[in-house]
């Protein structure tokens, strides 16, 4: 997939998270990873630095393989996927993700293959 911008990739990313359960697993993974990072930094529990990516990616990848039934976008575009995951997390945290899905549903989405 050749995206020319992060905004273009964002539309594809959202299409790959069409099921609410997939987005919830991602939210749980991102929240767990962030809490692990903050705990490691605040309390010197450096082993938790290893847990952060395992929790974040593990829960997200589980959702793709067993809930959504697709391949994680991280495999093809790791940096943009990471940024989009943080954006999706923030939109879910503020209750704006459903509105964003509707907004993007009105425009064509690029296919991965």
PDB file of N, CA and C in Angstrom:
ATOM      1  N   UNK A   1       0.836  -1.172   0.000  1.00  0.00           N
ATOM      2  CA  UNK A   1       0.000   0.000   0.000  1.00  0.00           C
ATOM      3  C   UNK A   1       0.889   1.246   0.000  1.00  0.00           C
ATOM      4  N   UNK A   2       0.605   2.142  -0.883  1.00  0.00           N
ATOM      5  CA  UNK A   2       1.386   3.375  -0.979  1.00  0.00           C
ATOM      6  C   UNK A   2       0.534   4.562  -0.570  1.00  0.00           C
ATOM      7  N   UNK A   3       0.748   5.042   0.618  1.00  0.00           N
ATOM      8  CA  UNK A   3       0.050   6.231   1.097  1.00  0.00           C
ATOM      9  C   UNK A   3       0.989   7.411   0.966  1.00  0.00           C
ATOM     10  N   UNK A   4       0.430   8.524   0.575  1.00  0.00           N
ATOM     11  CA  UNK A   4       1.246   9.725   0.407  1.00  0.00           C
ATOM     12  C   UNK A   4       1.277  10.606   1.648  1.00  0.00           C
ATOM     13  N   UNK A   5       0.369  10.344   2.583  1.00  0.00           N
ATOM     14  CA  UNK A   5       0.317  11.187   3.778  1.00  0.00           C
ATOM     15  C   UNK A   5      -0.214  10.376   4.952  1.00  0.00           C
ATOM     16  N   UNK A   6      -0.001  10.906   6.130  1.00  0.00           N
ATOM     17  CA  UNK A   6      -0.523  10.265   7.331  1.00  0.00           C
ATOM     18  C   UNK A   6      -2.045  10.286   7.321  1.00  0.00           C
ATOM     19  N   UNK A   7      -2.644  11.344   6.836  1.00  0.00           N
ATOM     20  CA  UNK A   7      -4.107  11.436   6.756  1.00  0.00           C
ATOM     21  C   UNK A   7      -4.678  10.358   5.835  1.00  0.00           C
ATOM     22  N   UNK A   8      -4.008  10.106   4.741  1.00  0.00           N
ATOM     23  CA  UNK A   8      -4.430   9.051   3.821  1.00  0.00           C
ATOM     24  C   UNK A   8      -4.309   7.682   4.499  1.00  0.00           C
ATOM     25  N   UNK A   9      -3.215   7.468   5.216  1.00  0.00           N
ATOM     26  CA  UNK A   9      -3.034   6.215   5.940  1.00  0.00           C
ATOM     27  C   UNK A   9      -4.069   6.080   7.046  1.00  0.00           C
ATOM     28  N   UNK A  10      -4.419   7.178   7.687  1.00  0.00           N
ATOM     29  CA  UNK A  10      -5.403   7.169   8.767  1.00  0.00           C
ATOM     30  C   UNK A  10      -6.735   6.587   8.277  1.00  0.00           C
ATOM     31  N   UNK A  11      -7.171   6.968   7.091  1.00  0.00           N
ATOM     32  CA  UNK A  11      -8.424   6.432   6.547  1.00  0.00           C
ATOM     33  C   UNK A  11      -8.332   4.912   6.388  1.00  0.00           C
ATOM     34  N   UNK A  12      -7.202   4.428   5.882  1.00  0.00           N
ATOM     35  CA  UNK A  12      -7.000   2.985   5.755  1.00  0.00           C
ATOM     36  C   UNK A  12      -6.967   2.331   7.138  1.00  0.00           C
ATOM     37  N   UNK A  13      -6.258   2.943   8.069  1.00  0.00           N
ATOM     38  CA  UNK A  13      -6.115   2.399   9.420  1.00  0.00           C
ATOM     39  C   UNK A  13      -7.483   2.221  10.076  1.00  0.00           C
ATOM     40  N   UNK A  14      -8.325   3.227   9.960  1.00  0.00           N
ATOM     41  CA  UNK A  14      -9.658   3.138  10.560  1.00  0.00           C
ATOM     42  C   UNK A  14     -10.459   2.014   9.908  1.00  0.00           C
ATOM     43  N   UNK A  15     -10.320   1.841   8.605  1.00  0.00           N
ATOM     44  CA  UNK A  15     -11.050   0.765   7.923  1.00  0.00           C
ATOM     45  C   UNK A  15     -10.612  -0.612   8.410  1.00  0.00           C
ATOM     46  N   UNK A  16      -9.388  -0.727   8.884  1.00  0.00           N
ATOM     47  CA  UNK A  16      -8.877  -1.988   9.393  1.00  0.00           C
ATOM     48  C   UNK A  16      -9.278  -2.253  10.841  1.00  0.00           C
ATOM     49  N   UNK A  17     -10.010  -1.312  11.424  1.00  0.00           N
ATOM     50  CA  UNK A  17     -10.508  -1.424  12.799  1.00  0.00           C
ATOM     51  C   UNK A  17     -12.017  -1.200  12.796  1.00  0.00           C
ATOM     52  N   UNK A  18     -12.718  -1.901  11.925  1.00  0.00           N
ATOM     53  CA  UNK A  18     -14.143  -1.658  11.710  1.00  0.00           C
ATOM     54  C   UNK A  18     -15.023  -2.175  12.838  1.00  0.00           C
ATOM     55  N   UNK A  19     -14.562  -3.175  13.553  1.00  0.00           N
ATOM     56  CA  UNK A  19     -15.372  -3.746  14.635  1.00  0.00           C
ATOM     57  C   UNK A  19     -15.074  -3.043  15.953  1.00  0.00           C
ATOM     58  N   UNK A  20     -16.124  -2.701  16.690  1.00  0.00           N
ATOM     59  CA  UNK A  20     -15.903  -2.052  17.995  1.00  0.00           C
ATOM     60  C   UNK A  20     -15.020  -2.870  18.935  1.00  0.00           C
ATOM     61  N   UNK A  21     -15.128  -4.196  18.888  1.00  0.00           N
ATOM     62  CA  UNK A  21     -14.295  -5.028  19.773  1.00  0.00           C
ATOM     63  C   UNK A  21     -12.815  -4.868  19.439  1.00  0.00           C
ATOM     64  N   UNK A  22     -12.499  -4.727  18.161  1.00  0.00           N
ATOM     65  CA  UNK A  22     -11.102  -4.525  17.763  1.00  0.00           C
ATOM     66  C   UNK A  22     -10.579  -3.226  18.360  1.00  0.00           C
ATOM     67  N   UNK A  23     -11.374  -2.189  18.255  1.00  0.00           N
ATOM     68  CA  UNK A  23     -10.948  -0.894  18.813  1.00  0.00           C
ATOM     69  C   UNK A  23     -10.834  -0.964  20.324  1.00  0.00           C
ATOM     70  N   UNK A  24     -11.694  -1.714  20.992  1.00  0.00           N
ATOM     71  CA  UNK A  24     -11.604  -1.847  22.456  1.00  0.00           C
ATOM     72  C   UNK A  24     -10.331  -2.593  22.868  1.00  0.00           C
ATOM     73  N   UNK A  25      -9.982  -3.658  22.130  1.00  0.00           N
ATOM     74  CA  UNK A  25      -8.739  -4.376  22.420  1.00  0.00           C
ATOM     75  C   UNK A  25      -7.540  -3.455  22.237  1.00  0.00           C
ATOM     76  N   UNK A  26      -7.576  -2.642  21.186  1.00  0.00           N
ATOM     77  CA  UNK A  26      -6.496  -1.676  20.966  1.00  0.00           C
ATOM     78  C   UNK A  26      -6.413  -0.678  22.115  1.00  0.00           C
ATOM     79  N   UNK A  27      -7.560  -0.182  22.541  1.00  0.00           N
ATOM     80  CA  UNK A  27      -7.601   0.769  23.647  1.00  0.00           C
ATOM     81  C   UNK A  27      -6.987   0.144  24.899  1.00  0.00           C
ATOM     82  N   UNK A  28      -7.393  -1.099  25.201  1.00  0.00           N
ATOM     83  CA  UNK A  28      -6.861  -1.787  26.382  1.00  0.00           C
ATOM     84  C   UNK A  28      -5.352  -1.986  26.255  1.00  0.00           C
ATOM     85  N   UNK A  29      -4.889  -2.338  25.081  1.00  0.00           N
ATOM     86  CA  UNK A  29      -3.458  -2.537  24.867  1.00  0.00           C
ATOM     87  C   UNK A  29      -2.665  -1.257  25.023  1.00  0.00           C
ATOM     88  N   UNK A  30      -3.162  -0.190  24.423  1.00  0.00           N
ATOM     89  CA  UNK A  30      -2.470   1.104  24.522  1.00  0.00           C
ATOM     90  C   UNK A  30      -2.470   1.607  25.956  1.00  0.00           C
ATOM     91  N   UNK A  31      -3.608   1.501  26.627  1.00  0.00           N
ATOM     92  CA  UNK A  31      -3.686   1.932  28.024  1.00  0.00           C
ATOM     93  C   UNK A  31      -2.736   1.115  28.894  1.00  0.00           C
ATOM     94  N   UNK A  32      -2.709  -0.200  28.704  1.00  0.00           N
ATOM     95  CA  UNK A  32      -1.805  -1.065  29.482  1.00  0.00           C
ATOM     96  C   UNK A  32      -0.345  -0.710  29.224  1.00  0.00           C
ATOM     97  N   UNK A  33      -0.012  -0.450  27.968  1.00  0.00           N
ATOM     98  CA  UNK A  33       1.369  -0.089  27.627  1.00  0.00           C
ATOM     99  C   UNK A  33       1.757   1.242  28.269  1.00  0.00           C
ATOM    100  N   UNK A  34       0.863   2.220  28.191  1.00  0.00           N
ATOM    101  CA  UNK A  34       1.153   3.524  28.789  1.00  0.00           C
ATOM    102  C   UNK A  34       1.303   3.423  30.303  1.00  0.00           C
ATOM    103  N   UNK A  35       0.423   2.658  30.943  1.00  0.00           N
ATOM    104  CA  UNK A  35       0.523   2.481  32.395  1.00  0.00           C
ATOM    105  C   UNK A  35       1.816   1.768  32.773  1.00  0.00           C
ATOM    106  N   UNK A  36       2.226   0.800  31.968  1.00  0.00           N
ATOM    107  CA  UNK A  36       3.504   0.110  32.223  1.00  0.00           C
ATOM    108  C   UNK A  36       4.675   1.068  32.115  1.00  0.00           C
ATOM    109  N   UNK A  37       4.648   1.912  31.075  1.00  0.00           N
ATOM    110  CA  UNK A  37       5.725   2.899  30.899  1.00  0.00           C
ATOM    111  C   UNK A  37       5.789   3.878  32.063  1.00  0.00           C
ATOM    112  N   UNK A  38       4.642   4.420  32.439  1.00  0.00           N
ATOM    113  CA  UNK A  38       4.617   5.391  33.537  1.00  0.00           C
ATOM    114  C   UNK A  38       5.036   4.755  34.855  1.00  0.00           C
ATOM    115  N   UNK A  39       4.589   3.532  35.108  1.00  0.00           N
ATOM    116  CA  UNK A  39       4.970   2.841  36.336  1.00  0.00           C
ATOM    117  C   UNK A  39       6.478   2.586  36.360  1.00  0.00           C
ATOM    118  N   UNK A  40       7.022   2.167  35.229  1.00  0.00           N
ATOM    119  CA  UNK A  40       8.462   1.920  35.147  1.00  0.00           C
ATOM    120  C   UNK A  40       9.249   3.198  35.431  1.00  0.00           C
ATOM    121  N   UNK A  41       8.793   4.302  34.861  1.00  0.00           N
ATOM    122  CA  UNK A  41       9.505   5.570  35.050  1.00  0.00           C
ATOM    123  C   UNK A  41       9.337   6.132  36.452  1.00  0.00           C
ATOM    124  N   UNK A  42       8.140   6.035  37.006  1.00  0.00           N
ATOM    125  CA  UNK A  42       7.881   6.617  38.323  1.00  0.00           C
ATOM    126  C   UNK A  42       8.474   5.807  39.467  1.00  0.00           C
ATOM    127  N   UNK A  43       8.453   4.485  39.351  1.00  0.00           N
ATOM    128  CA  UNK A  43       8.854   3.638  40.470  1.00  0.00           C
ATOM    129  C   UNK A  43      10.115   2.826  40.204  1.00  0.00           C
ATOM    130  N   UNK A  44      10.748   3.056  39.069  1.00  0.00           N
ATOM    131  CA  UNK A  44      11.982   2.357  38.770  1.00  0.00           C
ATOM    132  C   UNK A  44      11.816   0.873  38.519  1.00  0.00           C
ATOM    133  N   UNK A  45      10.652   0.465  38.117  1.00  0.00           N
ATOM    134  CA  UNK A  45      10.388  -0.946  37.798  1.00  0.00           C
ATOM    135  C   UNK A  45      10.730  -1.172  36.331  1.00  0.00           C
ATOM    136  N   UNK A  46      12.014  -1.286  36.052  1.00  0.00           N
ATOM    137  CA  UNK A  46      12.495  -1.264  34.668  1.00  0.00           C
ATOM    138  C   UNK A  46      12.063  -2.476  33.861  1.00  0.00           C
ATOM    139  N   UNK A  47      11.720  -3.560  34.513  1.00  0.00           N
ATOM    140  CA  UNK A  47      11.225  -4.723  33.799  1.00  0.00           C
ATOM    141  C   UNK A  47       9.896  -4.415  33.088  1.00  0.00           C
ATOM    142  N   UNK A  48       9.169  -3.457  33.632  1.00  0.00           N
ATOM    143  CA  UNK A  48       7.908  -3.066  33.000  1.00  0.00           C
ATOM    144  C   UNK A  48       8.112  -2.385  31.645  1.00  0.00           C
ATOM    145  N   UNK A  49       9.319  -1.906  31.391  1.00  0.00           N
ATOM    146  CA  UNK A  49       9.599  -1.347  30.063  1.00  0.00           C
ATOM    147  C   UNK A  49       9.484  -2.428  28.996  1.00  0.00           C
ATOM    148  N   UNK A  50       9.818  -3.649  29.348  1.00  0.00           N
ATOM    149  CA  UNK A  50       9.653  -4.764  28.423  1.00  0.00           C
ATOM    150  C   UNK A  50       8.190  -5.158  28.271  1.00  0.00           C
ATOM    151  N   UNK A  51       7.425  -4.986  29.330  1.00  0.00           N
ATOM    152  CA  UNK A  51       6.013  -5.362  29.297  1.00  0.00           C
ATOM    153  C   UNK A  51       5.193  -4.415  28.420  1.00  0.00           C
ATOM    154  N   UNK A  52       5.599  -3.166  28.330  1.00  0.00           N
ATOM    155  CA  UNK A  52       4.814  -2.177  27.593  1.00  0.00           C
ATOM    156  C   UNK A  52       4.547  -2.585  26.140  1.00  0.00           C
ATOM    157  N   UNK A  53       5.577  -2.868  25.341  1.00  0.00           N
ATOM    158  CA  UNK A  53       5.272  -3.253  23.956  1.00  0.00           C
ATOM    159  C   UNK A  53       4.583  -4.615  23.856  1.00  0.00           C
ATOM    160  N   UNK A  54       4.892  -5.518  24.790  1.00  0.00           N
ATOM    161  CA  UNK A  54       4.220  -6.824  24.762  1.00  0.00           C
ATOM    162  C   UNK A  54       2.728  -6.678  24.999  1.00  0.00           C
ATOM    163  N   UNK A  55       2.371  -5.844  25.953  1.00  0.00           N
ATOM    164  CA  UNK A  55       0.954  -5.606  26.232  1.00  0.00           C
ATOM    165  C   UNK A  55       0.286  -4.849  25.088  1.00  0.00           C
ATOM    166  N   UNK A  56       0.918  -3.765  24.665  1.00  0.00           N
ATOM    167  CA  UNK A  56       0.322  -2.936  23.625  1.00  0.00           C
ATOM    168  C   UNK A  56       0.119  -3.683  22.326  1.00  0.00           C
ATOM    169  N   UNK A  57       1.193  -4.267  21.815  1.00  0.00           N
ATOM    170  CA  UNK A  57       1.090  -4.975  20.544  1.00  0.00           C
ATOM    171  C   UNK A  57       0.370  -6.316  20.692  1.00  0.00           C
ATOM    172  N   UNK A  58       0.585  -6.981  21.801  1.00  0.00           N
ATOM    173  CA  UNK A  58      -0.054  -8.283  21.994  1.00  0.00           C
ATOM    174  C   UNK A  58      -1.566  -8.211  21.948  1.00  0.00           C
ATOM    175  N   UNK A  59      -2.147  -7.285  22.683  1.00  0.00           N
ATOM    176  CA  UNK A  59      -3.606  -7.150  22.689  1.00  0.00           C
ATOM    177  C   UNK A  59      -4.126  -6.662  21.343  1.00  0.00           C
ATOM    178  N   UNK A  60      -3.401  -5.738  20.724  1.00  0.00           N
ATOM    179  CA  UNK A  60      -3.829  -5.220  19.418  1.00  0.00           C
ATOM    180  C   UNK A  60      -3.765  -6.319  18.359  1.00  0.00           C
ATOM    181  N   UNK A  61      -2.688  -7.064  18.331  1.00  0.00           N
ATOM    182  CA  UNK A  61      -2.558  -8.121  17.326  1.00  0.00           C
ATOM    183  C   UNK A  61      -3.567  -9.236  17.555  1.00  0.00           C
ATOM    184  N   UNK A  62      -3.844  -9.529  18.816  1.00  0.00           N
ATOM    185  CA  UNK A  62      -4.898 -10.508  19.114  1.00  0.00           C
ATOM    186  C   UNK A  62      -6.198 -10.075  18.440  1.00  0.00           C
ATOM    187  N   UNK A  63      -6.529  -8.800  18.569  1.00  0.00           N
ATOM    188  CA  UNK A  63      -7.791  -8.314  18.008  1.00  0.00           C
ATOM    189  C   UNK A  63      -7.824  -8.436  16.488  1.00  0.00           C
ATOM    190  N   UNK A  64      -6.687  -8.246  15.843  1.00  0.00           N
ATOM    191  CA  UNK A  64      -6.670  -8.363  14.386  1.00  0.00           C
ATOM    192  C   UNK A  64      -6.823  -9.816  13.945  1.00  0.00           C
ATOM    193  N   UNK A  65      -6.109 -10.726  14.582  1.00  0.00           N
ATOM    194  CA  UNK A  65      -6.140 -12.116  14.169  1.00  0.00           C
ATOM    195  C   UNK A  65      -7.432 -12.828  14.558  1.00  0.00           C
ATOM    196  N   UNK A  66      -7.992 -12.513  15.742  1.00  0.00           N
ATOM    197  CA  UNK A  66      -9.119 -13.284  16.245  1.00  0.00           C
ATOM    198  C   UNK A  66     -10.447 -12.529  16.284  1.00  0.00           C
ATOM    199  N   UNK A  67     -10.441 -11.223  16.130  1.00  0.00           N
ATOM    200  CA  UNK A  67     -11.687 -10.452  16.138  1.00  0.00           C
ATOM    201  C   UNK A  67     -11.957  -9.876  14.749  1.00  0.00           C
ATOM    202  N   UNK A  68     -11.033  -9.089  14.250  1.00  0.00           N
ATOM    203  CA  UNK A  68     -11.221  -8.400  12.966  1.00  0.00           C
ATOM    204  C   UNK A  68     -10.984  -9.327  11.775  1.00  0.00           C
ATOM    205  N   UNK A  69     -10.057 -10.268  11.931  1.00  0.00           N
ATOM    206  CA  UNK A  69      -9.765 -11.198  10.848  1.00  0.00           C
ATOM    207  C   UNK A  69      -8.917 -10.598   9.739  1.00  0.00           C
ATOM    208  N   UNK A  70      -7.988  -9.748  10.103  1.00  0.00           N
ATOM    209  CA  UNK A  70      -7.077  -9.161   9.109  1.00  0.00           C
ATOM    210  C   UNK A  70      -5.660  -9.110   9.677  1.00  0.00           C
ATOM    211  N   UNK A  71      -4.741  -8.619   8.871  1.00  0.00           N
ATOM    212  CA  UNK A  71      -3.333  -8.520   9.279  1.00  0.00           C
ATOM    213  C   UNK A  71      -3.095  -7.124   9.855  1.00  0.00           C
ATOM    214  N   UNK A  72      -2.419  -7.011  10.989  1.00  0.00           N
ATOM    215  CA  UNK A  72      -2.157  -5.696  11.567  1.00  0.00           C
ATOM    216  C   UNK A  72      -1.411  -4.781  10.599  1.00  0.00           C
ATOM    217  N   UNK A  73      -1.832  -3.535  10.532  1.00  0.00           N
ATOM    218  CA  UNK A  73      -1.181  -2.549   9.670  1.00  0.00           C
ATOM    219  C   UNK A  73       0.254  -2.288  10.114  1.00  0.00           C
ATOM    220  N   UNK A  74       0.559  -2.625  11.349  1.00  0.00           N
ATOM    221  CA  UNK A  74       1.908  -2.450  11.888  1.00  0.00           C
ATOM    222  C   UNK A  74       2.943  -3.211  11.068  1.00  0.00           C
ATOM    223  N   UNK A  75       2.557  -4.330  10.507  1.00  0.00           N
ATOM    224  CA  UNK A  75       3.509  -5.151   9.760  1.00  0.00           C
ATOM    225  C   UNK A  75       4.027  -4.421   8.529  1.00  0.00           C
ATOM    226  N   UNK A  76       3.193  -3.592   7.909  1.00  0.00           N
ATOM    227  CA  UNK A  76       3.609  -2.881   6.707  1.00  0.00           C
ATOM    228  C   UNK A  76       4.068  -1.460   6.945  1.00  0.00           C
ATOM    229  N   UNK A  77       3.515  -0.823   7.967  1.00  0.00           N
ATOM    230  CA  UNK A  77       3.799   0.588   8.246  1.00  0.00           C
ATOM    231  C   UNK A  77       3.878   0.805   9.751  1.00  0.00           C
ATOM    232  N   UNK A  78       4.969   0.380  10.385  1.00  0.00           N
ATOM    233  CA  UNK A  78       5.040   0.429  11.854  1.00  0.00           C
ATOM    234  C   UNK A  78       4.946   1.828  12.451  1.00  0.00           C
ATOM    235  N   UNK A  79       5.618   2.809  11.865  1.00  0.00           N
ATOM    236  CA  UNK A  79       5.615   4.144  12.462  1.00  0.00           C
ATOM    237  C   UNK A  79       4.254   4.812  12.318  1.00  0.00           C
ATOM    238  N   UNK A  80       3.698   4.781  11.106  1.00  0.00           N
ATOM    239  CA  UNK A  80       2.378   5.402  10.905  1.00  0.00           C
ATOM    240  C   UNK A  80       1.302   4.673  11.708  1.00  0.00           C
ATOM    241  N   UNK A  81       1.414   3.363  11.830  1.00  0.00           N
ATOM    242  CA  UNK A  81       0.452   2.604  12.626  1.00  0.00           C
ATOM    243  C   UNK A  81       0.508   3.011  14.096  1.00  0.00           C
ATOM    244  N   UNK A  82       1.717   3.207  14.593  1.00  0.00           N
ATOM    245  CA  UNK A  82       1.882   3.639  15.982  1.00  0.00           C
ATOM    246  C   UNK A  82       1.231   4.998  16.198  1.00  0.00           C
ATOM    247  N   UNK A  83       1.484   5.930  15.299  1.00  0.00           N
ATOM    248  CA  UNK A  83       0.865   7.265  15.416  1.00  0.00           C
ATOM    249  C   UNK A  83      -0.654   7.194  15.328  1.00  0.00           C
ATOM    250  N   UNK A  84      -1.147   6.377  14.407  1.00  0.00           N
ATOM    251  CA  UNK A  84      -2.597   6.247  14.255  1.00  0.00           C
ATOM    252  C   UNK A  84      -3.226   5.563  15.460  1.00  0.00           C
ATOM    253  N   UNK A  85      -2.510   4.633  16.071  1.00  0.00           N
ATOM    254  CA  UNK A  85      -3.033   3.988  17.271  1.00  0.00           C
ATOM    255  C   UNK A  85      -3.171   5.001  18.402  1.00  0.00           C
ATOM    256  N   UNK A  86      -2.187   5.870  18.539  1.00  0.00           N
ATOM    257  CA  UNK A  86      -2.287   6.918  19.566  1.00  0.00           C
ATOM    258  C   UNK A  86      -3.437   7.874  19.269  1.00  0.00           C
ATOM    259  N   UNK A  87      -3.636   8.192  17.994  1.00  0.00           N
ATOM    260  CA  UNK A  87      -4.753   9.061  17.611  1.00  0.00           C
ATOM    261  C   UNK A  87      -6.085   8.381  17.912  1.00  0.00           C
ATOM    262  N   UNK A  88      -6.203   7.097  17.575  1.00  0.00           N
ATOM    263  CA  UNK A  88      -7.439   6.366  17.852  1.00  0.00           C
ATOM    264  C   UNK A  88      -7.682   6.285  19.357  1.00  0.00           C
ATOM    265  N   UNK A  89      -6.631   6.065  20.126  1.00  0.00           N
ATOM    266  CA  UNK A  89      -6.746   6.024  21.582  1.00  0.00           C
ATOM    267  C   UNK A  89      -7.288   7.350  22.114  1.00  0.00           C
ATOM    268  N   UNK A  90      -6.719   8.455  21.631  1.00  0.00           N
ATOM    269  CA  UNK A  90      -7.156   9.782  22.082  1.00  0.00           C
ATOM    270  C   UNK A  90      -8.605  10.049  21.678  1.00  0.00           C
ATOM    271  N   UNK A  91      -8.980   9.678  20.466  1.00  0.00           N
ATOM    272  CA  UNK A  91     -10.356   9.884  20.016  1.00  0.00           C
ATOM    273  C   UNK A  91     -11.330   9.026  20.816  1.00  0.00           C
ATOM    274  N   UNK A  92     -10.938   7.808  21.152  1.00  0.00           N
ATOM    275  CA  UNK A  92     -11.800   6.962  21.976  1.00  0.00           C
ATOM    276  C   UNK A  92     -11.902   7.514  23.396  1.00  0.00           C
ATOM    277  N   UNK A  93     -10.800   8.000  23.918  1.00  0.00           N
ATOM    278  CA  UNK A  93     -10.774   8.553  25.267  1.00  0.00           C
ATOM    279  C   UNK A  93     -11.687   9.768  25.391  1.00  0.00           C
ATOM    280  N   UNK A  94     -11.769  10.545  24.324  1.00  0.00           N
ATOM    281  CA  UNK A  94     -12.601  11.760  24.341  1.00  0.00           C
ATOM    282  C   UNK A  94     -13.991  11.545  23.745  1.00  0.00           C
ATOM    283  N   UNK A  95     -14.296  10.304  23.365  1.00  0.00           N
ATOM    284  CA  UNK A  95     -15.619  10.001  22.838  1.00  0.00           C
ATOM    285  C   UNK A  95     -15.867  10.486  21.418  1.00  0.00           C
ATOM    286  N   UNK A  96     -14.818  10.721  20.648  1.00  0.00           N
ATOM    287  CA  UNK A  96     -14.969  11.259  19.303  1.00  0.00           C
ATOM    288  C   UNK A  96     -14.721  10.240  18.197  1.00  0.00           C
ATOM    289  N   UNK A  97     -14.438   8.997  18.542  1.00  0.00           N
ATOM    290  CA  UNK A  97     -14.080   8.017  17.517  1.00  0.00           C
ATOM    291  C   UNK A  97     -15.244   7.676  16.604  1.00  0.00           C
ATOM    292  N   UNK A  98     -16.437   7.545  17.158  1.00  0.00           N
ATOM    293  CA  UNK A  98     -17.603   7.227  16.320  1.00  0.00           C
ATOM    294  C   UNK A  98     -17.848   8.312  15.283  1.00  0.00           C
ATOM    295  N   UNK A  99     -17.681   9.548  15.667  1.00  0.00           N
ATOM    296  CA  UNK A  99     -17.854  10.655  14.725  1.00  0.00           C
ATOM    297  C   UNK A  99     -16.779  10.603  13.633  1.00  0.00           C
ATOM    298  N   UNK A 100     -15.573  10.228  13.999  1.00  0.00           N
ATOM    299  CA  UNK A 100     -14.490  10.115  13.021  1.00  0.00           C
ATOM    300  C   UNK A 100     -14.754   8.975  12.044  1.00  0.00           C
ATOM    301  N   UNK A 101     -15.282   7.863  12.523  1.00  0.00           N
ATOM    302  CA  UNK A 101     -15.629   6.743  11.651  1.00  0.00           C
ATOM    303  C   UNK A 101     -16.680   7.171  10.638  1.00  0.00           C
ATOM    304  N   UNK A 102     -17.678   7.896  11.101  1.00  0.00           N
ATOM    305  CA  UNK A 102     -18.719   8.391  10.187  1.00  0.00           C
ATOM    306  C   UNK A 102     -18.140   9.357   9.170  1.00  0.00           C
ATOM    307  N   UNK A 103     -17.252  10.216   9.608  1.00  0.00           N
ATOM    308  CA  UNK A 103     -16.629  11.181   8.695  1.00  0.00           C
ATOM    309  C   UNK A 103     -15.842  10.448   7.612  1.00  0.00           C
ATOM    310  N   UNK A 104     -15.078   9.461   8.001  1.00  0.00           N
ATOM    311  CA  UNK A 104     -14.262   8.726   7.041  1.00  0.00           C
ATOM    312  C   UNK A 104     -15.077   7.784   6.174  1.00  0.00           C
ATOM    313  N   UNK A 105     -16.241   7.391   6.639  1.00  0.00           N
ATOM    314  CA  UNK A 105     -17.103   6.506   5.865  1.00  0.00           C
ATOM    315  C   UNK A 105     -17.651   7.151   4.614  1.00  0.00           C
ATOM    316  N   UNK A 106     -17.534   8.454   4.506  1.00  0.00           N
ATOM    317  CA  UNK A 106     -18.048   9.190   3.356  1.00  0.00           C
ATOM    318  C   UNK A 106     -17.014   9.367   2.266  1.00  0.00           C
ATOM    319  N   UNK A 107     -15.806   8.827   2.449  1.00  0.00           N
ATOM    320  CA  UNK A 107     -14.761   8.941   1.439  1.00  0.00           C
ATOM    321  C   UNK A 107     -14.172   7.576   1.129  1.00  0.00           C
ATOM    322  N   UNK A 108     -13.628   7.412  -0.046  1.00  0.00           N
ATOM    323  CA  UNK A 108     -13.081   6.096  -0.390  1.00  0.00           C
ATOM    324  C   UNK A 108     -11.842   5.770   0.438  1.00  0.00           C
ATOM    325  N   UNK A 109     -11.696   4.499   0.718  1.00  0.00           N
ATOM    326  CA  UNK A 109     -10.567   4.009   1.503  1.00  0.00           C
ATOM    327  C   UNK A 109      -9.685   3.166   0.606  1.00  0.00           C
ATOM    328  N   UNK A 110      -8.371   3.374   0.695  1.00  0.00           N
ATOM    329  CA  UNK A 110      -7.425   2.590  -0.085  1.00  0.00           C
ATOM    330  C   UNK A 110      -7.401   1.149   0.404  1.00  0.00           C
ATOM    331  N   UNK A 111      -7.218   0.243  -0.490  1.00  0.00           N
ATOM    332  CA  UNK A 111      -7.100  -1.174  -0.142  1.00  0.00           C
ATOM    333  C   UNK A 111      -5.633  -1.509   0.105  1.00  0.00           C
ATOM    334  N   UNK A 112      -5.379  -2.439   0.978  1.00  0.00           N
ATOM    335  CA  UNK A 112      -4.010  -2.822   1.312  1.00  0.00           C
ATOM    336  C   UNK A 112      -3.329  -3.535   0.146  1.00  0.00           C
ATOM    337  N   UNK A 113      -4.059  -4.324  -0.597  1.00  0.00           N
ATOM    338  CA  UNK A 113      -3.445  -5.098  -1.681  1.00  0.00           C
ATOM    339  C   UNK A 113      -4.148  -4.824  -2.978  1.00  0.00           C
TER     340      UNK A 113
END
